[in-house]
Every structure is written in C-alpha cells, then in structure tokens.
C-alpha cells in the first residue's frame, strides 16, 4: 500500500509542477488570443495568420525568458524528490 501512495504523491507533485511551469506560456497565449480576437471583432479582419503568428511569437519570447525558471524547477524536483526516492531515502 505504501508504494501506491508514494507513486500517487509523486504524480500529484509532478502534475502541479507541470502546471506551474506551463502557466506563463499559457497565460500569454490566452491574453494574445483575447486581444487579437477583440481586434478582429472590431475591425472585421478575419485573417488566420493574424491569430497564429503573435501567439507563437509571444509564447517563444516567454519561453526564452522563463527557461531558467522551468529548468530550475524540474532539476530541483528531480534532485530533491525523484532521485532520493529511487535511492531509497
């Protein structure tokens, strides 16, 4: 019974970390989508690339800026949670 609880606890923590590290990029995509959608509704411009290119550009910029946060969070999780559990500590 203990192994299942350990597994589910690690999975819960991993999902929480995945949500935290993806939140900045998802927030930028959401904000860009809403702003561009409002612009398209106000100007009646229905161009598909108008929605795609700014979202991808914004997400790339946010990914580049928050890359150290993402990798640091994952490294910390593996060093302090996963590796000690594998080693039996």
PDB file of N, CA and C in Angstrom:
ATOM      1  N   UNK A   1       0.823  -1.207   0.000  1.00  0.00           N
ATOM      2  CA  UNK A   1       0.000   0.000   0.000  1.00  0.00           C
ATOM      3  C   UNK A   1       0.862   1.263   0.000  1.00  0.00           C
ATOM      4  N   UNK A   2       2.048   1.184   0.608  1.00  0.00           N
ATOM      5  CA  UNK A   2       2.912   2.350   0.703  1.00  0.00           C
ATOM      6  C   UNK A   2       3.466   2.785  -0.640  1.00  0.00           C
ATOM      7  N   UNK A   3       3.770   1.811  -1.512  1.00  0.00           N
ATOM      8  CA  UNK A   3       4.313   2.145  -2.827  1.00  0.00           C
ATOM      9  C   UNK A   3       3.305   2.901  -3.678  1.00  0.00           C
ATOM     10  N   UNK A   4       2.028   2.508  -3.578  1.00  0.00           N
ATOM     11  CA  UNK A   4       0.992   3.202  -4.343  1.00  0.00           C
ATOM     12  C   UNK A   4       0.832   4.640  -3.867  1.00  0.00           C
ATOM     13  N   UNK A   5       0.868   4.828  -2.566  1.00  0.00           N
ATOM     14  CA  UNK A   5       0.742   6.184  -2.027  1.00  0.00           C
ATOM     15  C   UNK A   5       1.925   7.046  -2.433  1.00  0.00           C
ATOM     16  N   UNK A   6       3.109   6.474  -2.419  1.00  0.00           N
ATOM     17  CA  UNK A   6       4.304   7.202  -2.845  1.00  0.00           C
ATOM     18  C   UNK A   6       4.197   7.586  -4.317  1.00  0.00           C
ATOM     19  N   UNK A   7       3.755   6.633  -5.137  1.00  0.00           N
ATOM     20  CA  UNK A   7       3.593   6.895  -6.568  1.00  0.00           C
ATOM     21  C   UNK A   7       2.581   8.013  -6.818  1.00  0.00           C
ATOM     22  N   UNK A   8       1.430   7.937  -6.158  1.00  0.00           N
ATOM     23  CA  UNK A   8       0.403   8.953  -6.374  1.00  0.00           C
ATOM     24  C   UNK A   8       0.837  10.318  -5.853  1.00  0.00           C
ATOM     25  N   UNK A   9       1.597  10.328  -4.759  1.00  0.00           N
ATOM     26  CA  UNK A   9       2.102  11.594  -4.234  1.00  0.00           C
ATOM     27  C   UNK A   9       3.095  12.223  -5.207  1.00  0.00           C
ATOM     28  N   UNK A  10       3.989  11.413  -5.774  1.00  0.00           N
ATOM     29  CA  UNK A  10       4.938  11.932  -6.760  1.00  0.00           C
ATOM     30  C   UNK A  10       4.236  12.393  -8.026  1.00  0.00           C
ATOM     31  N   UNK A  11       3.217  11.674  -8.458  1.00  0.00           N
ATOM     32  CA  UNK A  11       2.462  12.083  -9.654  1.00  0.00           C
ATOM     33  C   UNK A  11       1.715  13.393  -9.405  1.00  0.00           C
ATOM     34  N   UNK A  12       1.138  13.538  -8.209  1.00  0.00           N
ATOM     35  CA  UNK A  12       0.444  14.783  -7.875  1.00  0.00           C
ATOM     36  C   UNK A  12       1.404  15.954  -7.907  1.00  0.00           C
ATOM     37  N   UNK A  13       2.589  15.761  -7.317  1.00  0.00           N
ATOM     38  CA  UNK A  13       3.600  16.817  -7.315  1.00  0.00           C
ATOM     39  C   UNK A  13       4.096  17.124  -8.731  1.00  0.00           C
ATOM     40  N   UNK A  14       4.275  16.083  -9.547  1.00  0.00           N
ATOM     41  CA  UNK A  14       4.733  16.288 -10.931  1.00  0.00           C
ATOM     42  C   UNK A  14       3.693  17.045 -11.746  1.00  0.00           C
ATOM     43  N   UNK A  15       2.426  16.734 -11.565  1.00  0.00           N
ATOM     44  CA  UNK A  15       1.374  17.462 -12.288  1.00  0.00           C
ATOM     45  C   UNK A  15       1.296  18.915 -11.834  1.00  0.00           C
ATOM     46  N   UNK A  16       1.488  19.147 -10.542  1.00  0.00           N
ATOM     47  CA  UNK A  16       1.478  20.520 -10.040  1.00  0.00           C
ATOM     48  C   UNK A  16       2.651  21.318 -10.623  1.00  0.00           C
ATOM     49  N   UNK A  17       3.817  20.699 -10.716  1.00  0.00           N
ATOM     50  CA  UNK A  17       4.980  21.362 -11.301  1.00  0.00           C
ATOM     51  C   UNK A  17       4.749  21.621 -12.787  1.00  0.00           C
ATOM     52  N   UNK A  18       4.147  20.667 -13.485  1.00  0.00           N
ATOM     53  CA  UNK A  18       3.847  20.865 -14.905  1.00  0.00           C
ATOM     54  C   UNK A  18       2.894  22.040 -15.097  1.00  0.00           C
ATOM     55  N   UNK A  19       1.922  22.177 -14.225  1.00  0.00           N
ATOM     56  CA  UNK A  19       1.002  23.311 -14.314  1.00  0.00           C
ATOM     57  C   UNK A  19       1.725  24.629 -14.034  1.00  0.00           C
ATOM     58  N   UNK A  20       2.627  24.618 -13.047  1.00  0.00           N
ATOM     59  CA  UNK A  20       3.350  25.849 -12.711  1.00  0.00           C
ATOM     60  C   UNK A  20       4.291  26.295 -13.820  1.00  0.00           C
ATOM     61  N   UNK A  21       5.003  25.346 -14.451  1.00  0.00           N
ATOM     62  CA  UNK A  21       5.970  25.769 -15.456  1.00  0.00           C
ATOM     63  C   UNK A  21       5.310  26.079 -16.790  1.00  0.00           C
ATOM     64  N   UNK A  22       4.087  25.582 -17.017  1.00  0.00           N
ATOM     65  CA  UNK A  22       3.413  25.906 -18.276  1.00  0.00           C
ATOM     66  C   UNK A  22       2.516  27.133 -18.154  1.00  0.00           C
ATOM     67  N   UNK A  23       2.250  27.593 -16.956  1.00  0.00           N
ATOM     68  CA  UNK A  23       1.339  28.715 -16.749  1.00  0.00           C
ATOM     69  C   UNK A  23       1.769  30.005 -17.451  1.00  0.00           C
ATOM     70  N   UNK A  24       3.031  30.413 -17.431  1.00  0.00           N
ATOM     71  CA  UNK A  24       3.379  31.664 -18.119  1.00  0.00           C
ATOM     72  C   UNK A  24       3.100  31.629 -19.623  1.00  0.00           C
ATOM     73  N   UNK A  25       3.432  30.525 -20.280  1.00  0.00           N
ATOM     74  CA  UNK A  25       3.195  30.441 -21.723  1.00  0.00           C
ATOM     75  C   UNK A  25       1.695  30.367 -22.035  1.00  0.00           C
ATOM     76  N   UNK A  26       0.951  29.640 -21.217  1.00  0.00           N
ATOM     77  CA  UNK A  26      -0.491  29.565 -21.435  1.00  0.00           C
ATOM     78  C   UNK A  26      -1.172  30.906 -21.185  1.00  0.00           C
ATOM     79  N   UNK A  27      -0.693  31.640 -20.201  1.00  0.00           N
ATOM     80  CA  UNK A  27      -1.266  32.962 -19.925  1.00  0.00           C
ATOM     81  C   UNK A  27      -1.018  33.918 -21.081  1.00  0.00           C
ATOM     82  N   UNK A  28       0.182  33.888 -21.655  1.00  0.00           N
ATOM     83  CA  UNK A  28       0.486  34.752 -22.801  1.00  0.00           C
ATOM     84  C   UNK A  28      -0.376  34.373 -24.002  1.00  0.00           C
ATOM     85  N   UNK A  29      -0.554  33.076 -24.239  1.00  0.00           N
ATOM     86  CA  UNK A  29      -1.399  32.638 -25.355  1.00  0.00           C
ATOM     87  C   UNK A  29      -2.842  33.075 -25.148  1.00  0.00           C
ATOM     88  N   UNK A  30      -3.325  32.990 -23.920  1.00  0.00           N
ATOM     89  CA  UNK A  30      -4.692  33.414 -23.619  1.00  0.00           C
ATOM     90  C   UNK A  30      -4.865  34.915 -23.820  1.00  0.00           C
ATOM     91  N   UNK A  31      -3.948  35.693 -23.280  1.00  0.00           N
ATOM     92  CA  UNK A  31      -4.048  37.149 -23.408  1.00  0.00           C
ATOM     93  C   UNK A  31      -3.926  37.575 -24.860  1.00  0.00           C
ATOM     94  N   UNK A  32      -2.979  36.993 -25.591  1.00  0.00           N
ATOM     95  CA  UNK A  32      -2.823  37.330 -27.005  1.00  0.00           C
ATOM     96  C   UNK A  32      -4.063  36.940 -27.793  1.00  0.00           C
ATOM     97  N   UNK A  33      -4.644  35.787 -27.496  1.00  0.00           N
ATOM     98  CA  UNK A  33      -5.854  35.351 -28.187  1.00  0.00           C
ATOM     99  C   UNK A  33      -7.028  36.280 -27.951  1.00  0.00           C
ATOM    100  N   UNK A  34      -7.180  36.723 -26.711  1.00  0.00           N
ATOM    101  CA  UNK A  34      -8.288  37.635 -26.392  1.00  0.00           C
ATOM    102  C   UNK A  34      -8.081  38.990 -27.064  1.00  0.00           C
ATOM    103  N   UNK A  35      -6.870  39.522 -26.991  1.00  0.00           N
ATOM    104  CA  UNK A  35      -6.591  40.833 -27.598  1.00  0.00           C
ATOM    105  C   UNK A  35      -6.771  40.775 -29.115  1.00  0.00           C
ATOM    106  N   UNK A  36      -6.245  39.740 -29.745  1.00  0.00           N
ATOM    107  CA  UNK A  36      -6.363  39.628 -31.198  1.00  0.00           C
ATOM    108  C   UNK A  36      -7.807  39.358 -31.601  1.00  0.00           C
ATOM    109  N   UNK A  37      -8.525  38.568 -30.806  1.00  0.00           N
ATOM    110  CA  UNK A  37      -9.940  38.328 -31.077  1.00  0.00           C
ATOM    111  C   UNK A  37     -10.754  39.599 -31.002  1.00  0.00           C
ATOM    112  N   UNK A  38     -10.460  40.437 -30.008  1.00  0.00           N
ATOM    113  CA  UNK A  38     -11.152  41.732 -29.914  1.00  0.00           C
ATOM    114  C   UNK A  38     -10.813  42.629 -31.100  1.00  0.00           C
ATOM    115  N   UNK A  39      -9.536  42.636 -31.483  1.00  0.00           N
ATOM    116  CA  UNK A  39      -9.123  43.427 -32.635  1.00  0.00           C
ATOM    117  C   UNK A  39      -9.838  42.958 -33.904  1.00  0.00           C
ATOM    118  N   UNK A  40      -9.918  41.652 -34.093  1.00  0.00           N
ATOM    119  CA  UNK A  40     -10.584  41.127 -35.279  1.00  0.00           C
ATOM    120  C   UNK A  40     -12.075  41.416 -35.259  1.00  0.00           C
ATOM    121  N   UNK A  41     -12.685  41.358 -34.084  1.00  0.00           N
ATOM    122  CA  UNK A  41     -14.112  41.664 -33.996  1.00  0.00           C
ATOM    123  C   UNK A  41     -14.395  43.132 -34.264  1.00  0.00           C
ATOM    124  N   UNK A  42     -13.493  43.998 -33.815  1.00  0.00           N
ATOM    125  CA  UNK A  42     -13.702  45.433 -34.010  1.00  0.00           C
ATOM    126  C   UNK A  42     -13.425  45.878 -35.435  1.00  0.00           C
ATOM    127  N   UNK A  43     -12.490  45.229 -36.114  1.00  0.00           N
ATOM    128  CA  UNK A  43     -12.102  45.675 -37.452  1.00  0.00           C
ATOM    129  C   UNK A  43     -12.634  44.780 -38.567  1.00  0.00           C
ATOM    130  N   UNK A  44     -13.298  43.686 -38.228  1.00  0.00           N
ATOM    131  CA  UNK A  44     -13.830  42.721 -39.199  1.00  0.00           C
ATOM    132  C   UNK A  44     -12.740  42.123 -40.074  1.00  0.00           C
ATOM    133  N   UNK A  45     -11.526  42.039 -39.564  1.00  0.00           N
ATOM    134  CA  UNK A  45     -10.424  41.397 -40.270  1.00  0.00           C
ATOM    135  C   UNK A  45     -10.397  39.947 -39.808  1.00  0.00           C
ATOM    136  N   UNK A  46     -10.594  39.022 -40.716  1.00  0.00           N
ATOM    137  CA  UNK A  46     -10.626  37.600 -40.372  1.00  0.00           C
ATOM    138  C   UNK A  46      -9.468  36.871 -41.040  1.00  0.00           C
ATOM    139  N   UNK A  47      -8.277  37.205 -40.660  1.00  0.00           N
ATOM    140  CA  UNK A  47      -7.076  36.591 -41.211  1.00  0.00           C
ATOM    141  C   UNK A  47      -6.551  35.553 -40.227  1.00  0.00           C
ATOM    142  N   UNK A  48      -6.341  34.320 -40.691  1.00  0.00           N
ATOM    143  CA  UNK A  48      -5.917  33.243 -39.799  1.00  0.00           C
ATOM    144  C   UNK A  48      -4.494  33.448 -39.264  1.00  0.00           C
ATOM    145  N   UNK A  49      -3.610  33.977 -40.088  1.00  0.00           N
ATOM    146  CA  UNK A  49      -2.238  34.178 -39.623  1.00  0.00           C
ATOM    147  C   UNK A  49      -2.146  35.287 -38.592  1.00  0.00           C
ATOM    148  N   UNK A  50      -3.131  36.157 -38.558  1.00  0.00           N
ATOM    149  CA  UNK A  50      -3.139  37.242 -37.574  1.00  0.00           C
ATOM    150  C   UNK A  50      -3.269  36.683 -36.161  1.00  0.00           C
ATOM    151  N   UNK A  51      -3.931  35.564 -35.990  1.00  0.00           N
ATOM    152  CA  UNK A  51      -4.048  34.973 -34.652  1.00  0.00           C
ATOM    153  C   UNK A  51      -2.864  34.070 -34.338  1.00  0.00           C
ATOM    154  N   UNK A  52      -2.329  33.387 -35.327  1.00  0.00           N
ATOM    155  CA  UNK A  52      -1.293  32.385 -35.080  1.00  0.00           C
ATOM    156  C   UNK A  52       0.075  32.995 -34.793  1.00  0.00           C
ATOM    157  N   UNK A  53       0.499  33.908 -35.624  1.00  0.00           N
ATOM    158  CA  UNK A  53       1.860  34.444 -35.531  1.00  0.00           C
ATOM    159  C   UNK A  53       2.112  35.193 -34.223  1.00  0.00           C
ATOM    160  N   UNK A  54       1.252  36.097 -33.771  1.00  0.00           N
ATOM    161  CA  UNK A  54       1.530  36.769 -32.487  1.00  0.00           C
ATOM    162  C   UNK A  54       1.508  35.823 -31.285  1.00  0.00           C
ATOM    163  N   UNK A  55       0.618  34.820 -31.316  1.00  0.00           N
ATOM    164  CA  UNK A  55       0.595  33.862 -30.209  1.00  0.00           C
ATOM    165  C   UNK A  55       1.904  33.089 -30.136  1.00  0.00           C
ATOM    166  N   UNK A  56       2.351  32.582 -31.269  1.00  0.00           N
ATOM    167  CA  UNK A  56       3.586  31.807 -31.277  1.00  0.00           C
ATOM    168  C   UNK A  56       4.779  32.692 -30.911  1.00  0.00           C
ATOM    169  N   UNK A  57       4.806  33.906 -31.432  1.00  0.00           N
ATOM    170  CA  UNK A  57       5.889  34.830 -31.092  1.00  0.00           C
ATOM    171  C   UNK A  57       5.920  35.154 -29.609  1.00  0.00           C
ATOM    172  N   UNK A  58       4.762  35.440 -29.043  1.00  0.00           N
ATOM    173  CA  UNK A  58       4.692  35.731 -27.608  1.00  0.00           C
ATOM    174  C   UNK A  58       5.080  34.541 -26.764  1.00  0.00           C
ATOM    175  N   UNK A  59       4.647  33.354 -27.171  1.00  0.00           N
ATOM    176  CA  UNK A  59       4.999  32.164 -26.415  1.00  0.00           C
ATOM    177  C   UNK A  59       6.494  31.859 -26.501  1.00  0.00           C
ATOM    178  N   UNK A  60       7.102  32.099 -27.657  1.00  0.00           N
ATOM    179  CA  UNK A  60       8.546  31.896 -27.778  1.00  0.00           C
ATOM    180  C   UNK A  60       9.326  32.861 -26.901  1.00  0.00           C
ATOM    181  N   UNK A  61       8.882  34.114 -26.858  1.00  0.00           N
ATOM    182  CA  UNK A  61       9.553  35.106 -26.013  1.00  0.00           C
ATOM    183  C   UNK A  61       9.432  34.732 -24.541  1.00  0.00           C
ATOM    184  N   UNK A  62       8.225  34.352 -24.118  1.00  0.00           N
ATOM    185  CA  UNK A  62       8.025  33.969 -22.719  1.00  0.00           C
ATOM    186  C   UNK A  62       8.804  32.700 -22.392  1.00  0.00           C
ATOM    187  N   UNK A  63       8.860  31.763 -23.331  1.00  0.00           N
ATOM    188  CA  UNK A  63       9.648  30.551 -23.109  1.00  0.00           C
ATOM    189  C   UNK A  63      11.117  30.898 -22.925  1.00  0.00           C
ATOM    190  N   UNK A  64      11.632  31.785 -23.756  1.00  0.00           N
ATOM    191  CA  UNK A  64      13.037  32.180 -23.663  1.00  0.00           C
ATOM    192  C   UNK A  64      13.319  32.877 -22.330  1.00  0.00           C
ATOM    193  N   UNK A  65      12.397  33.739 -21.885  1.00  0.00           N
ATOM    194  CA  UNK A  65      12.595  34.472 -20.633  1.00  0.00           C
ATOM    195  C   UNK A  65      12.473  33.543 -19.425  1.00  0.00           C
ATOM    196  N   UNK A  66      11.530  32.615 -19.455  1.00  0.00           N
ATOM    197  CA  UNK A  66      11.284  31.775 -18.279  1.00  0.00           C
ATOM    198  C   UNK A  66      11.956  30.408 -18.358  1.00  0.00           C
ATOM    199  N   UNK A  67      12.868  30.223 -19.290  1.00  0.00           N
ATOM    200  CA  UNK A  67      13.535  28.933 -19.435  1.00  0.00           C
ATOM    201  C   UNK A  67      14.338  28.561 -18.193  1.00  0.00           C
ATOM    202  N   UNK A  68      14.999  29.513 -17.566  1.00  0.00           N
ATOM    203  CA  UNK A  68      15.781  29.199 -16.368  1.00  0.00           C
ATOM    204  C   UNK A  68      14.869  28.789 -15.213  1.00  0.00           C
ATOM    205  N   UNK A  69      13.715  29.434 -15.085  1.00  0.00           N
ATOM    206  CA  UNK A  69      12.745  29.044 -14.054  1.00  0.00           C
ATOM    207  C   UNK A  69      12.244  27.624 -14.296  1.00  0.00           C
ATOM    208  N   UNK A  70      11.926  27.315 -15.550  1.00  0.00           N
ATOM    209  CA  UNK A  70      11.406  25.984 -15.876  1.00  0.00           C
ATOM    210  C   UNK A  70      12.439  24.894 -15.609  1.00  0.00           C
ATOM    211  N   UNK A  71      13.644  25.097 -16.114  1.00  0.00           N
ATOM    212  CA  UNK A  71      14.670  24.065 -15.924  1.00  0.00           C
ATOM    213  C   UNK A  71      15.088  23.962 -14.462  1.00  0.00           C
ATOM    214  N   UNK A  72      15.153  25.067 -13.763  1.00  0.00           N
ATOM    215  CA  UNK A  72      15.493  25.030 -12.339  1.00  0.00           C
ATOM    216  C   UNK A  72      14.449  24.293 -11.516  1.00  0.00           C
ATOM    217  N   UNK A  73      13.188  24.507 -11.836  1.00  0.00           N
ATOM    218  CA  UNK A  73      12.110  23.815 -11.131  1.00  0.00           C
ATOM    219  C   UNK A  73      12.171  22.314 -11.374  1.00  0.00           C
ATOM    220  N   UNK A  74      12.393  21.919 -12.626  1.00  0.00           N
ATOM    221  CA  UNK A  74      12.474  20.492 -12.937  1.00  0.00           C
ATOM    222  C   UNK A  74      13.701  19.836 -12.317  1.00  0.00           C
ATOM    223  N   UNK A  75      14.835  20.512 -12.367  1.00  0.00           N
ATOM    224  CA  UNK A  75      16.053  19.957 -11.767  1.00  0.00           C
ATOM    225  C   UNK A  75      15.881  19.811 -10.265  1.00  0.00           C
ATOM    226  N   UNK A  76      15.291  20.808  -9.622  1.00  0.00           N
ATOM    227  CA  UNK A  76      15.056  20.749  -8.182  1.00  0.00           C
ATOM    228  C   UNK A  76      14.125  19.594  -7.831  1.00  0.00           C
ATOM    229  N   UNK A  77      13.077  19.400  -8.616  1.00  0.00           N
ATOM    230  CA  UNK A  77      12.145  18.303  -8.374  1.00  0.00           C
ATOM    231  C   UNK A  77      12.853  16.951  -8.487  1.00  0.00           C
ATOM    232  N   UNK A  78      13.667  16.794  -9.516  1.00  0.00           N
ATOM    233  CA  UNK A  78      14.354  15.523  -9.687  1.00  0.00           C
ATOM    234  C   UNK A  78      15.412  15.303  -8.607  1.00  0.00           C
ATOM    235  N   UNK A  79      16.152  16.342  -8.244  1.00  0.00           N
ATOM    236  CA  UNK A  79      17.213  16.175  -7.256  1.00  0.00           C
ATOM    237  C   UNK A  79      16.673  15.956  -5.849  1.00  0.00           C
ATOM    238  N   UNK A  80      15.563  16.593  -5.503  1.00  0.00           N
ATOM    239  CA  UNK A  80      15.073  16.513  -4.136  1.00  0.00           C
ATOM    240  C   UNK A  80      13.896  15.562  -3.948  1.00  0.00           C
ATOM    241  N   UNK A  81      13.275  15.106  -5.017  1.00  0.00           N
ATOM    242  CA  UNK A  81      12.122  14.214  -4.885  1.00  0.00           C
ATOM    243  C   UNK A  81      12.343  12.864  -5.545  1.00  0.00           C
ATOM    244  N   UNK A  82      12.664  12.878  -6.835  1.00  0.00           N
ATOM    245  CA  UNK A  82      12.728  11.631  -7.594  1.00  0.00           C
ATOM    246  C   UNK A  82      13.974  10.811  -7.243  1.00  0.00           C
ATOM    247  N   UNK A  83      15.151  11.415  -7.310  1.00  0.00           N
ATOM    248  CA  UNK A  83      16.399  10.666  -7.088  1.00  0.00           C
ATOM    249  C   UNK A  83      16.484  10.104  -5.667  1.00  0.00           C
ATOM    250  N   UNK A  84      16.112  10.848  -4.615  1.00  0.00           N
ATOM    251  CA  UNK A  84      16.118  10.224  -3.275  1.00  0.00           C
ATOM    252  C   UNK A  84      15.144   9.054  -3.156  1.00  0.00           C
ATOM    253  N   UNK A  85      14.012   9.132  -3.847  1.00  0.00           N
ATOM    254  CA  UNK A  85      13.059   8.014  -3.795  1.00  0.00           C
ATOM    255  C   UNK A  85      13.615   6.785  -4.516  1.00  0.00           C
ATOM    256  N   UNK A  86      14.326   7.011  -5.619  1.00  0.00           N
ATOM    257  CA  UNK A  86      14.938   5.895  -6.328  1.00  0.00           C
ATOM    258  C   UNK A  86      16.053   5.276  -5.488  1.00  0.00           C
ATOM    259  N   UNK A  87      16.820   6.126  -4.815  1.00  0.00           N
ATOM    260  CA  UNK A  87      17.928   5.643  -3.985  1.00  0.00           C
ATOM    261  C   UNK A  87      17.451   4.973  -2.701  1.00  0.00           C
ATOM    262  N   UNK A  88      16.175   5.193  -2.370  1.00  0.00           N
ATOM    263  CA  UNK A  88      15.614   4.535  -1.177  1.00  0.00           C
ATOM    264  C   UNK A  88      15.649   5.364   0.080  1.00  0.00           C
ATOM    265  N   UNK A  89      15.878   6.662  -0.043  1.00  0.00           N
ATOM    266  CA  UNK A  89      15.925   7.530   1.142  1.00  0.00           C
ATOM    267  C   UNK A  89      14.562   8.040   1.506  1.00  0.00           C
TER     268      UNK A  89
END
